[in-house]
Amino acid sequence: MPEGNEIHRFAERHAAALAGGRVSADSPNGAFPDAEVLHGRKLQAVEAYGKHLGYVFGRDMILHVHLGMYGDFREGTMPLPPEKGALRLRLWNRANWVELRGATDCSIFDAEKWQALLARLGPDPLRPESDPEPGFAVIARRNTPIGQLLMDQSVFAGIGNIYRAELLFRAGLHPRTPGREVPRPSIASIWKDARKLMPLGMIDRRIVTTLAKDRALKRGPEADQDRTRKRGAAPVDQAIPHQRGLAQDDEIHYVYRRHGKPCLRCGTKIEKEEMAGRTVYWCPACQKR
């Protein structure tokens, strides 16, 4: 399922491509008959909150999209490409087009319904105005494991399975730790880390959470520097996880989908288990109970 970084990236790209003018709309597979209501209307803005997108055509006409597990967009410049697959919605203007397939929800909300949705969501690390205190308060009073709470969109909106695993590793917290046993400074640290990592994940839809110094333990201290020098790029910044082209696919995450592999920091084998229907990963040495 796309996480908040991808959703906000889609919002920025679609606003740049389509907002500010009238758009055409259709539903080639007929799964979104309300496309005709949007056809010819001005798209005022595209908003993202957590894993939800809102295409604002008016106060009481907001196209809500939730991609779910299988939804995705395709984008491009005119002319329109040939219709392929289960094409649920297509929006376009004279210059650009956007196609939607496989979304969990694609429907028109009025202002009241949109605000009701936002009221159910917790603070979003990618929205500058978000106040994390309500999320902190929920965690502090719950006996639910912190690994489960971070996936609860009413606690923090936009965090999914990858960020959940990686944020907990970087905080040194075992996913089974009850929320009320997590020290407040640790909760605040998770929020601050999410604020740092998730914008980096908007660069190219690639979530990279590992630091160069930890990758160096796996493949030698000069590896990143050598690759950087060959490309004529700036030296590696040890404090920034995402630097284009430096992290290889098997080292972009500390624990996510690394079950049975050695921890990049200590060498202990990564473990996994099911938690509330999703797989969670952790290092038993770096994230002790």
C-alpha atoms as a PDB file:
ATOM      1  CA  MET A   1       0.000   0.000   0.000  1.00  0.00           C
ATOM      2  CA  PRO A   2       1.405   3.431  -0.865  1.00  0.00           C
ATOM      3  CA  GLU A   3       2.427   5.356   2.237  1.00  0.00           C
ATOM      4  CA  GLY A   4       2.119   9.044   2.946  1.00  0.00           C
ATOM      5  CA  ASN A   5       5.262   9.978   1.057  1.00  0.00           C
ATOM      6  CA  GLU A   6       3.807   8.666  -2.226  1.00  0.00           C
ATOM      7  CA  ILE A   7       0.393  10.217  -1.628  1.00  0.00           C
ATOM      8  CA  HIS A   8       1.851  13.667  -1.013  1.00  0.00           C
ATOM      9  CA  ARG A   9       4.079  13.254  -4.040  1.00  0.00           C
ATOM     10  CA  PHE A  10       1.046  12.451  -6.191  1.00  0.00           C
ATOM     11  CA  ALA A  11      -0.730  15.531  -4.810  1.00  0.00           C
ATOM     12  CA  GLU A  12       2.167  17.801  -5.747  1.00  0.00           C
ATOM     13  CA  ARG A  13       2.577  16.323  -9.218  1.00  0.00           C
ATOM     14  CA  HIS A  14      -1.130  16.286 -10.062  1.00  0.00           C
ATOM     15  CA  ALA A  15      -1.601  19.847  -8.822  1.00  0.00           C
ATOM     16  CA  ALA A  16       1.293  20.990 -10.999  1.00  0.00           C
ATOM     17  CA  ALA A  17      -0.090  19.139 -14.025  1.00  0.00           C
ATOM     18  CA  LEU A  18      -3.820  19.860 -13.756  1.00  0.00           C
ATOM     19  CA  ALA A  19      -4.818  22.399 -11.092  1.00  0.00           C
ATOM     20  CA  GLY A  20      -5.758  25.954 -11.963  1.00  0.00           C
ATOM     21  CA  GLY A  21      -7.800  25.225 -15.069  1.00  0.00           C
ATOM     22  CA  ARG A  22     -10.647  23.164 -16.451  1.00  0.00           C
ATOM     23  CA  VAL A  23     -10.075  19.449 -16.920  1.00  0.00           C
ATOM     24  CA  SER A  24     -11.714  16.735 -18.945  1.00  0.00           C
ATOM     25  CA  ALA A  25     -12.724  13.519 -17.193  1.00  0.00           C
ATOM     26  CA  ASP A  26     -14.016  10.098 -18.161  1.00  0.00           C
ATOM     27  CA  SER A  27     -14.203   6.551 -16.828  1.00  0.00           C
ATOM     28  CA  PRO A  28     -13.264   4.180 -19.659  1.00  0.00           C
ATOM     29  CA  ASN A  29     -14.248   1.034 -17.739  1.00  0.00           C
ATOM     30  CA  GLY A  30     -17.437   2.620 -16.381  1.00  0.00           C
ATOM     31  CA  ALA A  31     -16.489   2.003 -12.743  1.00  0.00           C
ATOM     32  CA  PHE A  32     -16.727   5.714 -11.879  1.00  0.00           C
ATOM     33  CA  PRO A  33     -19.894   7.100 -13.502  1.00  0.00           C
ATOM     34  CA  ASP A  34     -19.511  10.422 -11.655  1.00  0.00           C
ATOM     35  CA  ALA A  35     -16.609  11.264 -13.960  1.00  0.00           C
ATOM     36  CA  GLU A  36     -19.133  13.078 -16.146  1.00  0.00           C
ATOM     37  CA  VAL A  37     -19.897  15.414 -13.218  1.00  0.00           C
ATOM     38  CA  LEU A  38     -16.247  16.474 -13.122  1.00  0.00           C
ATOM     39  CA  HIS A  39     -15.868  16.866 -16.875  1.00  0.00           C
ATOM     40  CA  GLY A  40     -15.244  20.480 -17.855  1.00  0.00           C
ATOM     41  CA  ARG A  41     -14.906  21.769 -14.295  1.00  0.00           C
ATOM     42  CA  LYS A  42     -11.980  23.739 -12.896  1.00  0.00           C
ATOM     43  CA  LEU A  43      -9.674  21.762 -10.621  1.00  0.00           C
ATOM     44  CA  GLN A  44      -8.849  24.222  -7.858  1.00  0.00           C
ATOM     45  CA  ALA A  45      -6.348  22.229  -5.802  1.00  0.00           C
ATOM     46  CA  VAL A  46      -5.106  18.766  -4.887  1.00  0.00           C
ATOM     47  CA  GLU A  47      -4.728  17.997  -1.188  1.00  0.00           C
ATOM     48  CA  ALA A  48      -3.114  15.067   0.603  1.00  0.00           C
ATOM     49  CA  TYR A  49      -3.751  13.980   4.167  1.00  0.00           C
ATOM     50  CA  GLY A  50      -2.232  10.714   5.323  1.00  0.00           C
ATOM     51  CA  LYS A  51      -3.077   8.141   2.672  1.00  0.00           C
ATOM     52  CA  HIS A  52      -6.015  10.140   1.274  1.00  0.00           C
ATOM     53  CA  LEU A  53      -6.150  12.450  -1.744  1.00  0.00           C
ATOM     54  CA  GLY A  54      -8.703  15.192  -2.322  1.00  0.00           C
ATOM     55  CA  TYR A  55      -9.114  16.815  -5.751  1.00  0.00           C
ATOM     56  CA  VAL A  56     -10.968  20.031  -5.004  1.00  0.00           C
ATOM     57  CA  PHE A  57     -13.417  21.111  -7.723  1.00  0.00           C
ATOM     58  CA  GLY A  58     -15.510  23.180  -5.327  1.00  0.00           C
ATOM     59  CA  ARG A  59     -16.487  23.391  -1.674  1.00  0.00           C
ATOM     60  CA  ASP A  60     -18.993  20.573  -2.074  1.00  0.00           C
ATOM     61  CA  MET A  61     -17.278  18.719  -4.887  1.00  0.00           C
ATOM     62  CA  ILE A  62     -14.114  16.971  -3.752  1.00  0.00           C
ATOM     63  CA  LEU A  63     -12.932  13.869  -5.555  1.00  0.00           C
ATOM     64  CA  HIS A  64     -11.677  11.495  -2.854  1.00  0.00           C
ATOM     65  CA  VAL A  65      -9.129   8.840  -3.806  1.00  0.00           C
ATOM     66  CA  HIS A  66      -7.723   6.162  -1.510  1.00  0.00           C
ATOM     67  CA  LEU A  67      -5.362   3.866  -3.368  1.00  0.00           C
ATOM     68  CA  GLY A  68      -5.489   0.990  -0.884  1.00  0.00           C
ATOM     69  CA  MET A  69      -3.300  -2.035  -1.575  1.00  0.00           C
ATOM     70  CA  TYR A  70      -3.563  -2.145  -5.345  1.00  0.00           C
ATOM     71  CA  GLY A  71      -4.350   1.348  -6.607  1.00  0.00           C
ATOM     72  CA  ASP A  72      -1.888   3.382  -8.638  1.00  0.00           C
ATOM     73  CA  PHE A  73      -1.599   6.310 -11.016  1.00  0.00           C
ATOM     74  CA  ARG A  74      -0.010   6.774 -14.404  1.00  0.00           C
ATOM     75  CA  GLU A  75       0.891  10.240 -15.617  1.00  0.00           C
ATOM     76  CA  GLY A  76       2.117  11.774 -18.831  1.00  0.00           C
ATOM     77  CA  THR A  77       1.925  14.535 -21.388  1.00  0.00           C
ATOM     78  CA  MET A  78      -0.603  14.749 -24.200  1.00  0.00           C
ATOM     79  CA  PRO A  79      -1.749  13.086 -26.341  1.00  0.00           C
ATOM     80  CA  LEU A  80      -3.681  10.495 -24.337  1.00  0.00           C
ATOM     81  CA  PRO A  81      -2.211   6.984 -24.504  1.00  0.00           C
ATOM     82  CA  PRO A  82      -4.267   3.995 -25.733  1.00  0.00           C
ATOM     83  CA  GLU A  83      -6.675   2.674 -23.112  1.00  0.00           C
ATOM     84  CA  LYS A  84      -5.258  -0.326 -21.262  1.00  0.00           C
ATOM     85  CA  GLY A  85      -6.447  -2.404 -18.324  1.00  0.00           C
ATOM     86  CA  ALA A  86      -9.138  -1.480 -15.821  1.00  0.00           C
ATOM     87  CA  LEU A  87      -8.912   2.276 -16.301  1.00  0.00           C
ATOM     88  CA  ARG A  88     -11.222   3.686 -13.635  1.00  0.00           C
ATOM     89  CA  LEU A  89     -10.684   7.415 -14.070  1.00  0.00           C
ATOM     90  CA  ARG A  90      -8.831   9.650 -16.464  1.00  0.00           C
ATOM     91  CA  LEU A  91      -8.261  13.388 -16.029  1.00  0.00           C
ATOM     92  CA  TRP A  92      -6.570  15.577 -18.609  1.00  0.00           C
ATOM     93  CA  ASN A  93      -6.083  19.060 -19.989  1.00  0.00           C
ATOM     94  CA  ARG A  94      -4.336  20.341 -23.090  1.00  0.00           C
ATOM     95  CA  ALA A  95      -0.891  19.448 -21.751  1.00  0.00           C
ATOM     96  CA  ASN A  96      -1.099  16.567 -19.272  1.00  0.00           C
ATOM     97  CA  TRP A  97      -3.064  13.473 -18.296  1.00  0.00           C
ATOM     98  CA  VAL A  98      -3.483  11.330 -15.173  1.00  0.00           C
ATOM     99  CA  GLU A  99      -4.904   7.790 -15.077  1.00  0.00           C
ATOM    100  CA  LEU A 100      -6.206   5.928 -12.014  1.00  0.00           C
ATOM    101  CA  ARG A 101      -6.521   2.167 -11.665  1.00  0.00           C
ATOM    102  CA  GLY A 102      -7.338  -0.230  -8.847  1.00  0.00           C
ATOM    103  CA  ALA A 103      -8.151   2.282  -6.082  1.00  0.00           C
ATOM    104  CA  THR A 104     -10.021   1.212  -2.962  1.00  0.00           C
ATOM    105  CA  ASP A 105     -12.140   4.354  -3.164  1.00  0.00           C
ATOM    106  CA  CYS A 106     -12.826   6.901  -5.868  1.00  0.00           C
ATOM    107  CA  SER A 107     -15.900   8.971  -5.032  1.00  0.00           C
ATOM    108  CA  ILE A 108     -17.164  12.529  -4.721  1.00  0.00           C
ATOM    109  CA  PHE A 109     -17.362  14.030  -1.224  1.00  0.00           C
ATOM    110  CA  ASP A 110     -19.070  17.212  -0.104  1.00  0.00           C
ATOM    111  CA  ALA A 111     -17.310  19.490   2.389  1.00  0.00           C
ATOM    112  CA  GLU A 112     -19.002  17.891   5.393  1.00  0.00           C
ATOM    113  CA  LYS A 113     -17.967  14.370   4.419  1.00  0.00           C
ATOM    114  CA  TRP A 114     -14.408  15.476   3.644  1.00  0.00           C
ATOM    115  CA  GLN A 115     -14.050  17.211   7.010  1.00  0.00           C
ATOM    116  CA  ALA A 116     -15.499  14.167   8.785  1.00  0.00           C
ATOM    117  CA  LEU A 117     -12.825  12.025   7.146  1.00  0.00           C
ATOM    118  CA  LEU A 118     -10.034  14.390   8.196  1.00  0.00           C
ATOM    119  CA  ALA A 119     -11.398  14.467  11.754  1.00  0.00           C
ATOM    120  CA  ARG A 120     -10.900  10.697  12.012  1.00  0.00           C
ATOM    121  CA  LEU A 121      -7.246  10.927  11.033  1.00  0.00           C
ATOM    122  CA  GLY A 122      -4.323  11.609  13.310  1.00  0.00           C
ATOM    123  CA  PRO A 123      -1.653  14.240  12.659  1.00  0.00           C
ATOM    124  CA  ASP A 124       0.207  13.865   9.366  1.00  0.00           C
ATOM    125  CA  PRO A 125       4.021  14.203   9.586  1.00  0.00           C
ATOM    126  CA  LEU A 126       4.059  15.642   6.055  1.00  0.00           C
ATOM    127  CA  ARG A 127       1.726  18.526   6.868  1.00  0.00           C
ATOM    128  CA  PRO A 128       3.641  21.409   8.501  1.00  0.00           C
ATOM    129  CA  GLU A 129       0.638  22.532  10.547  1.00  0.00           C
ATOM    130  CA  SER A 130       0.069  19.122  12.147  1.00  0.00           C
ATOM    131  CA  ASP A 131       0.100  19.063  15.952  1.00  0.00           C
ATOM    132  CA  PRO A 132       1.434  15.688  17.158  1.00  0.00           C
ATOM    133  CA  GLU A 133       0.076  16.034  20.698  1.00  0.00           C
ATOM    134  CA  PRO A 134      -3.203  14.145  20.040  1.00  0.00           C
ATOM    135  CA  GLY A 135      -1.186  11.213  18.691  1.00  0.00           C
ATOM    136  CA  PHE A 136       1.210  11.350  21.639  1.00  0.00           C
ATOM    137  CA  ALA A 137      -1.747  11.263  24.036  1.00  0.00           C
ATOM    138  CA  VAL A 138      -3.291   8.194  22.393  1.00  0.00           C
ATOM    139  CA  ILE A 139      -0.017   6.267  22.557  1.00  0.00           C
ATOM    140  CA  ALA A 140       0.595   7.242  26.192  1.00  0.00           C
ATOM    141  CA  ARG A 141      -2.707   5.815  27.425  1.00  0.00           C
ATOM    142  CA  ARG A 142      -2.910   2.633  25.354  1.00  0.00           C
ATOM    143  CA  ASN A 143      -1.651  -0.850  26.202  1.00  0.00           C
ATOM    144  CA  THR A 144      -1.647  -1.695  22.481  1.00  0.00           C
ATOM    145  CA  PRO A 145       1.816  -2.512  21.058  1.00  0.00           C
ATOM    146  CA  ILE A 146       3.578   0.516  19.609  1.00  0.00           C
ATOM    147  CA  GLY A 147       4.059  -1.396  16.356  1.00  0.00           C
ATOM    148  CA  GLN A 148       0.290  -1.632  15.991  1.00  0.00           C
ATOM    149  CA  LEU A 149      -0.378   1.944  17.080  1.00  0.00           C
ATOM    150  CA  LEU A 150       1.918   3.377  14.417  1.00  0.00           C
ATOM    151  CA  MET A 151      -0.210   1.668  11.752  1.00  0.00           C
ATOM    152  CA  ASP A 152      -3.401   3.160  13.203  1.00  0.00           C
ATOM    153  CA  GLN A 153      -4.223   6.130  10.968  1.00  0.00           C
ATOM    154  CA  SER A 154      -6.100   7.812  13.822  1.00  0.00           C
ATOM    155  CA  VAL A 155      -2.796   8.037  15.729  1.00  0.00           C
ATOM    156  CA  PHE A 156      -0.474   9.276  12.963  1.00  0.00           C
ATOM    157  CA  ALA A 157      -1.740   9.560   9.384  1.00  0.00           C
ATOM    158  CA  GLY A 158       0.373   8.326   6.499  1.00  0.00           C
ATOM    159  CA  ILE A 159       2.697   5.883   8.252  1.00  0.00           C
ATOM    160  CA  GLY A 160       2.547   2.425   6.687  1.00  0.00           C
ATOM    161  CA  ASN A 161       4.353  -0.873   7.067  1.00  0.00           C
ATOM    162  CA  ILE A 162       7.750   0.279   5.812  1.00  0.00           C
ATOM    163  CA  TYR A 163       7.966   3.457   7.860  1.00  0.00           C
ATOM    164  CA  ARG A 164       6.535   1.645  10.903  1.00  0.00           C
ATOM    165  CA  ALA A 165       9.354  -0.923  10.875  1.00  0.00           C
ATOM    166  CA  GLU A 166      12.098   1.567  10.086  1.00  0.00           C
ATOM    167  CA  LEU A 167      11.022   4.244  12.565  1.00  0.00           C
ATOM    168  CA  LEU A 168      10.922   1.688  15.374  1.00  0.00           C
ATOM    169  CA  PHE A 169      14.373   0.401  14.484  1.00  0.00           C
ATOM    170  CA  ARG A 170      15.847   3.894  14.368  1.00  0.00           C
ATOM    171  CA  ALA A 171      14.233   4.611  17.759  1.00  0.00           C
ATOM    172  CA  GLY A 172      15.509   1.330  19.248  1.00  0.00           C
ATOM    173  CA  LEU A 173      11.990   0.219  20.206  1.00  0.00           C
ATOM    174  CA  HIS A 174      10.670  -3.334  20.040  1.00  0.00           C
ATOM    175  CA  PRO A 175       7.348  -3.379  18.133  1.00  0.00           C
ATOM    176  CA  ARG A 176       5.686  -5.307  20.990  1.00  0.00           C
ATOM    177  CA  THR A 177       6.359  -2.560  23.534  1.00  0.00           C
ATOM    178  CA  PRO A 178       2.994  -1.349  24.932  1.00  0.00           C
ATOM    179  CA  GLY A 179       2.294   2.227  23.948  1.00  0.00           C
ATOM    180  CA  ARG A 180       1.956   3.454  27.516  1.00  0.00           C
ATOM    181  CA  GLU A 181       5.427   2.062  28.322  1.00  0.00           C
ATOM    182  CA  VAL A 182       7.109   4.087  25.586  1.00  0.00           C
ATOM    183  CA  PRO A 183       8.805   7.144  27.129  1.00  0.00           C
ATOM    184  CA  ARG A 184       7.470  10.434  25.845  1.00  0.00           C
ATOM    185  CA  PRO A 185      10.903  11.481  24.497  1.00  0.00           C
ATOM    186  CA  SER A 186      10.906   8.302  22.394  1.00  0.00           C
ATOM    187  CA  ILE A 187       7.454   9.067  20.987  1.00  0.00           C
ATOM    188  CA  ALA A 188       8.562  12.611  20.184  1.00  0.00           C
ATOM    189  CA  SER A 189      11.701  11.213  18.551  1.00  0.00           C
ATOM    190  CA  ILE A 190       9.612   8.935  16.303  1.00  0.00           C
ATOM    191  CA  TRP A 191       7.513  11.911  15.190  1.00  0.00           C
ATOM    192  CA  LYS A 192      10.599  14.032  14.541  1.00  0.00           C
ATOM    193  CA  ASP A 193      12.201  11.190  12.585  1.00  0.00           C
ATOM    194  CA  ALA A 194       9.044  10.720  10.499  1.00  0.00           C
ATOM    195  CA  ARG A 195       9.117  14.452   9.741  1.00  0.00           C
ATOM    196  CA  LYS A 196      12.649  13.996   8.418  1.00  0.00           C
ATOM    197  CA  LEU A 197      12.347  10.684   6.555  1.00  0.00           C
ATOM    198  CA  MET A 198       8.982  11.033   4.835  1.00  0.00           C
ATOM    199  CA  PRO A 199       9.819  14.174   2.796  1.00  0.00           C
ATOM    200  CA  LEU A 200      12.946  12.368   1.584  1.00  0.00           C
ATOM    201  CA  GLY A 201      10.669   9.537   0.454  1.00  0.00           C
ATOM    202  CA  MET A 202       8.867  11.994  -1.826  1.00  0.00           C
ATOM    203  CA  ILE A 203      11.954  12.461  -4.001  1.00  0.00           C
ATOM    204  CA  ASP A 204      11.335   9.490  -6.276  1.00  0.00           C
ATOM    205  CA  ARG A 205       8.855   7.197  -4.463  1.00  0.00           C
ATOM    206  CA  ARG A 206      11.825   5.330  -2.947  1.00  0.00           C
ATOM    207  CA  ILE A 207      11.888   4.943   0.825  1.00  0.00           C
ATOM    208  CA  VAL A 208      15.502   4.971   2.017  1.00  0.00           C
ATOM    209  CA  THR A 209      16.096   4.967   5.774  1.00  0.00           C
ATOM    210  CA  THR A 210      19.673   3.705   6.151  1.00  0.00           C
ATOM    211  CA  LEU A 211      22.609   5.975   6.814  1.00  0.00           C
ATOM    212  CA  ALA A 212      25.835   5.791   4.833  1.00  0.00           C
ATOM    213  CA  LYS A 213      27.839   4.884   7.937  1.00  0.00           C
ATOM    214  CA  ASP A 214      25.671   1.788   8.471  1.00  0.00           C
ATOM    215  CA  ARG A 215      25.808   0.773   4.828  1.00  0.00           C
ATOM    216  CA  ALA A 216      29.585   1.060   5.087  1.00  0.00           C
ATOM    217  CA  LEU A 217      29.620  -1.681   7.736  1.00  0.00           C
ATOM    218  CA  LYS A 218      28.176  -4.012   5.114  1.00  0.00           C
ATOM    219  CA  ARG A 219      30.358  -3.172   2.114  1.00  0.00           C
ATOM    220  CA  GLY A 220      33.361  -1.210   3.310  1.00  0.00           C
ATOM    221  CA  PRO A 221      33.835   2.336   4.635  1.00  0.00           C
ATOM    222  CA  GLU A 222      34.883   3.828   1.294  1.00  0.00           C
ATOM    223  CA  ALA A 223      32.103   2.299  -0.829  1.00  0.00           C
ATOM    224  CA  ASP A 224      29.736   5.276  -0.867  1.00  0.00           C
ATOM    225  CA  GLN A 225      32.582   7.765  -1.146  1.00  0.00           C
ATOM    226  CA  ASP A 226      34.120   5.869  -4.075  1.00  0.00           C
ATOM    227  CA  ARG A 227      30.797   5.671  -5.917  1.00  0.00           C
ATOM    228  CA  THR A 228      30.214   9.370  -5.272  1.00  0.00           C
ATOM    229  CA  ARG A 229      33.634  10.407  -6.554  1.00  0.00           C
ATOM    230  CA  LYS A 230      33.139   8.377  -9.743  1.00  0.00           C
ATOM    231  CA  ARG A 231      29.855  10.206 -10.377  1.00  0.00           C
ATOM    232  CA  GLY A 232      31.412  13.616  -9.689  1.00  0.00           C
ATOM    233  CA  ALA A 233      28.805  14.293  -7.010  1.00  0.00           C
ATOM    234  CA  ALA A 234      29.115  15.967  -3.630  1.00  0.00           C
ATOM    235  CA  PRO A 235      30.574  13.952  -0.741  1.00  0.00           C
ATOM    236  CA  VAL A 236      28.228  11.669   1.173  1.00  0.00           C
ATOM    237  CA  ASP A 237      26.262  13.395   3.933  1.00  0.00           C
ATOM    238  CA  GLN A 238      26.252  10.889   6.791  1.00  0.00           C
ATOM    239  CA  ALA A 239      23.089  12.396   8.287  1.00  0.00           C
ATOM    240  CA  ILE A 240      20.862  12.113   5.211  1.00  0.00           C
ATOM    241  CA  PRO A 241      19.526   8.655   4.277  1.00  0.00           C
ATOM    242  CA  HIS A 242      18.363   9.397   0.750  1.00  0.00           C
ATOM    243  CA  GLN A 243      21.050  10.378  -1.711  1.00  0.00           C
ATOM    244  CA  ARG A 244      20.154   9.357  -5.216  1.00  0.00           C
ATOM    245  CA  GLY A 245      22.048   6.354  -6.565  1.00  0.00           C
ATOM    246  CA  LEU A 246      24.016   5.540  -3.420  1.00  0.00           C
ATOM    247  CA  ALA A 247      21.878   2.987  -1.559  1.00  0.00           C
ATOM    248  CA  GLN A 248      21.594  -0.398  -3.230  1.00  0.00           C
ATOM    249  CA  ASP A 249      18.255  -2.212  -3.207  1.00  0.00           C
ATOM    250  CA  ASP A 250      19.273  -4.688  -0.492  1.00  0.00           C
ATOM    251  CA  GLU A 251      20.372  -1.954   1.905  1.00  0.00           C
ATOM    252  CA  ILE A 252      17.766   0.802   1.646  1.00  0.00           C
ATOM    253  CA  HIS A 253      16.014  -0.461   4.811  1.00  0.00           C
ATOM    254  CA  TYR A 254      17.336  -1.567   8.170  1.00  0.00           C
ATOM    255  CA  VAL A 255      14.741  -4.255   8.883  1.00  0.00           C
ATOM    256  CA  TYR A 256      11.799  -4.136   6.467  1.00  0.00           C
ATOM    257  CA  ARG A 257      11.719  -7.347   4.392  1.00  0.00           C
ATOM    258  CA  ARG A 258      15.160  -8.304   5.701  1.00  0.00           C
ATOM    259  CA  HIS A 259      14.013 -11.341   7.716  1.00  0.00           C
ATOM    260  CA  GLY A 260      16.916 -13.723   8.311  1.00  0.00           C
ATOM    261  CA  LYS A 261      19.512 -11.251   7.044  1.00  0.00           C
ATOM    262  CA  PRO A 262      22.143  -9.655   9.291  1.00  0.00           C
ATOM    263  CA  CYS A 263      21.373  -6.306  10.875  1.00  0.00           C
ATOM    264  CA  LEU A 264      23.313  -3.545   9.147  1.00  0.00           C
ATOM    265  CA  ARG A 265      24.429  -2.246  12.544  1.00  0.00           C
ATOM    266  CA  CYS A 266      25.107  -5.293  14.718  1.00  0.00           C
ATOM    267  CA  GLY A 267      24.949  -8.372  12.470  1.00  0.00           C
ATOM    268  CA  THR A 268      22.110 -10.078  14.377  1.00  0.00           C
ATOM    269  CA  LYS A 269      19.558 -11.784  12.146  1.00  0.00           C
ATOM    270  CA  ILE A 270      16.396  -9.760  11.576  1.00  0.00           C
ATOM    271  CA  GLU A 271      13.170 -11.329  12.840  1.00  0.00           C
ATOM    272  CA  LYS A 272       9.544 -10.947  11.803  1.00  0.00           C
ATOM    273  CA  GLU A 273       6.029 -11.789  12.979  1.00  0.00           C
ATOM    274  CA  GLU A 274       2.425 -11.017  12.177  1.00  0.00           C
ATOM    275  CA  MET A 275       0.875  -8.070  13.982  1.00  0.00           C
ATOM    276  CA  ALA A 276      -2.725  -7.055  13.318  1.00  0.00           C
ATOM    277  CA  GLY A 277      -2.680  -8.736   9.912  1.00  0.00           C
ATOM    278  CA  ARG A 278       0.596  -7.206   8.711  1.00  0.00           C
ATOM    279  CA  THR A 279       4.193  -8.390   8.963  1.00  0.00           C
ATOM    280  CA  VAL A 280       6.459  -6.434  11.284  1.00  0.00           C
ATOM    281  CA  TYR A 281      10.257  -6.701  11.266  1.00  0.00           C
ATOM    282  CA  TRP A 282      12.847  -5.914  13.950  1.00  0.00           C
ATOM    283  CA  CYS A 283      16.377  -6.581  15.175  1.00  0.00           C
ATOM    284  CA  PRO A 284      16.267  -8.502  18.490  1.00  0.00           C
ATOM    285  CA  ALA A 285      19.596  -6.975  19.580  1.00  0.00           C
ATOM    286  CA  CYS A 286      19.004  -3.335  18.613  1.00  0.00           C
ATOM    287  CA  GLN A 287      15.325  -3.373  19.655  1.00  0.00           C
ATOM    288  CA  LYS A 288      15.187  -5.237  22.959  1.00  0.00           C
ATOM    289  CA  ARG A 289      12.010  -5.593  25.006  1.00  0.00           C
END
